[in-house]
Amino acid sequence: MSIEITMRHSDVRIESLKEYAQLRMEKLRKSFPKVTSVSVVIDVDAKKHMYMAEVVANRNGETAVGGKEFSESAKSVIDGAAARAERQLLRMRLKERKGKVREARATSPKN
């Protein structure tokens, strides 16, 4: 799985923040092994002292977007966006399983 982390509108590249995002996405990879790539965009607004994070996870041709999160704390922004992506990936997994169960019931002989 490839993980891409991008920092925007920041003069100083915060390595600790990138490392934290990398560790958080590794947890996502362990929970969802079918995820092929994850892209994290962290945007810094220096005037308002706000952070914005967006997590985009691709899973077998499907895209789960962890919605944009805004906060004054960079780590909470990353956690919130990752949690939204996890919920969407979980929903995708459940829909896939339900589809397989329905397909199996449709093809099985009725008693």
Protein backbone atom coordinates (compact mmCIF):
# COMPACT_ATOMS: atom_id res chain seq x y z
CA MET A 1 0.00 0.00 0.00
CA SER A 2 1.33 3.42 -0.89
CA ILE A 3 0.89 6.35 1.47
CA GLU A 4 1.29 9.90 0.17
CA ILE A 5 1.39 12.81 2.59
CA THR A 6 1.23 16.38 1.29
CA MET A 7 1.62 19.61 3.27
CA ARG A 8 0.18 22.78 1.73
CA HIS A 9 0.62 26.45 2.58
CA SER A 10 3.31 25.77 5.11
CA ASP A 11 6.76 27.31 4.95
CA VAL A 12 8.05 24.94 7.59
CA ARG A 13 7.75 21.25 6.79
CA ILE A 14 6.73 19.65 10.05
CA GLU A 15 8.36 16.23 10.05
CA SER A 16 6.75 15.11 13.31
CA LEU A 17 3.31 15.80 11.83
CA LYS A 18 4.16 13.77 8.73
CA GLU A 19 5.39 10.90 10.91
CA TYR A 20 2.17 10.99 12.94
CA ALA A 21 0.07 10.89 9.76
CA GLN A 22 2.20 7.98 8.49
CA LEU A 23 1.62 6.00 11.72
CA ARG A 24 -2.13 6.73 11.64
CA MET A 25 -2.42 5.51 8.04
CA GLU A 26 -0.49 2.34 8.94
CA LYS A 27 -3.28 1.58 11.44
CA LEU A 28 -5.77 2.07 8.61
CA ARG A 29 -3.79 -0.36 6.45
CA LYS A 30 -3.83 -3.02 9.16
CA SER A 31 -7.60 -2.72 9.62
CA PHE A 32 -8.36 -2.77 5.88
CA PRO A 33 -5.86 -4.93 3.96
CA LYS A 34 -7.62 -4.35 0.60
CA VAL A 35 -6.75 -0.64 0.62
CA THR A 36 -4.30 -0.01 -2.22
CA SER A 37 -3.35 3.62 -1.66
CA VAL A 38 -3.94 6.45 0.80
CA SER A 39 -3.43 10.15 0.17
CA VAL A 40 -3.33 12.65 3.04
CA VAL A 41 -3.46 16.40 2.41
CA ILE A 42 -2.72 18.69 5.35
CA ASP A 43 -3.42 22.38 4.76
CA VAL A 44 -2.22 25.07 7.16
CA ASP A 45 -3.90 28.48 7.45
CA ALA A 46 -1.33 30.62 9.25
CA LYS A 47 -3.59 33.65 9.66
CA LYS A 48 -6.37 31.79 11.45
CA HIS A 49 -4.08 29.19 13.07
CA MET A 50 -6.26 26.41 11.67
CA TYR A 51 -5.42 23.05 10.13
CA MET A 52 -7.37 21.15 7.52
CA ALA A 53 -6.84 17.48 6.68
CA GLU A 54 -8.33 15.30 4.00
CA VAL A 55 -7.78 11.56 3.71
CA VAL A 56 -8.53 9.77 0.43
CA ALA A 57 -8.31 5.97 0.50
CA ASN A 58 -8.59 3.81 -2.62
CA ARG A 59 -9.86 0.26 -2.24
CA ASN A 60 -10.07 -2.02 -5.29
CA GLY A 61 -11.24 0.73 -7.62
CA GLU A 62 -13.51 2.41 -5.05
CA THR A 63 -12.67 5.67 -3.33
CA ALA A 64 -13.40 6.48 0.31
CA VAL A 65 -12.93 10.14 1.15
CA GLY A 66 -12.44 11.10 4.76
CA GLY A 67 -14.14 14.47 4.71
CA LYS A 68 -12.33 17.64 5.46
CA GLU A 69 -11.72 18.30 9.11
CA PHE A 70 -10.88 21.74 10.53
CA SER A 71 -9.33 22.35 13.93
CA GLU A 72 -6.59 24.21 15.77
CA SER A 73 -4.87 20.95 16.63
CA ALA A 74 -3.07 19.20 13.78
CA LYS A 75 -3.23 15.72 15.30
CA SER A 76 -6.96 15.90 15.98
CA VAL A 77 -7.53 16.94 12.37
CA ILE A 78 -5.64 13.89 11.10
CA ASP A 79 -7.48 11.59 13.51
CA GLY A 80 -10.89 12.97 12.55
CA ALA A 81 -10.32 12.64 8.81
CA ALA A 82 -8.90 9.14 9.23
CA ALA A 83 -11.89 8.11 11.35
CA ARG A 84 -14.28 9.28 8.64
CA ALA A 85 -12.35 7.31 6.02
CA GLU A 86 -12.47 4.23 8.28
CA ARG A 87 -16.25 4.53 8.61
CA GLN A 88 -16.64 4.77 4.84
CA LEU A 89 -14.33 1.80 4.26
CA LEU A 90 -16.27 -0.22 6.83
CA ARG A 91 -19.53 0.67 5.09
CA MET A 92 -18.04 -0.45 1.76
CA ARG A 93 -16.94 -3.74 3.30
CA LEU A 94 -20.40 -4.39 4.76
CA LYS A 95 -22.11 -3.63 1.43
CA GLU A 96 -19.77 -6.04 -0.31
CA ARG A 97 -20.54 -8.80 2.18
CA LYS A 98 -24.30 -8.23 1.95
CA GLY A 99 -24.09 -8.44 -1.81
CA LYS A 100 -22.29 -11.79 -1.65
CA VAL A 101 -24.84 -13.17 0.83
CA ARG A 102 -27.76 -12.06 -1.34
CA GLU A 103 -26.14 -13.55 -4.40
CA ALA A 104 -25.61 -16.86 -2.61
CA ARG A 105 -29.21 -16.93 -1.41
CA ALA A 106 -30.51 -16.18 -4.90
CA THR A 107 -28.58 -19.07 -6.46
CA SER A 108 -29.23 -21.65 -3.73
CA PRO A 109 -32.11 -24.12 -4.16
CA LYS A 110 -35.15 -23.25 -2.07
CA ASN A 111 -36.35 -25.71 0.53
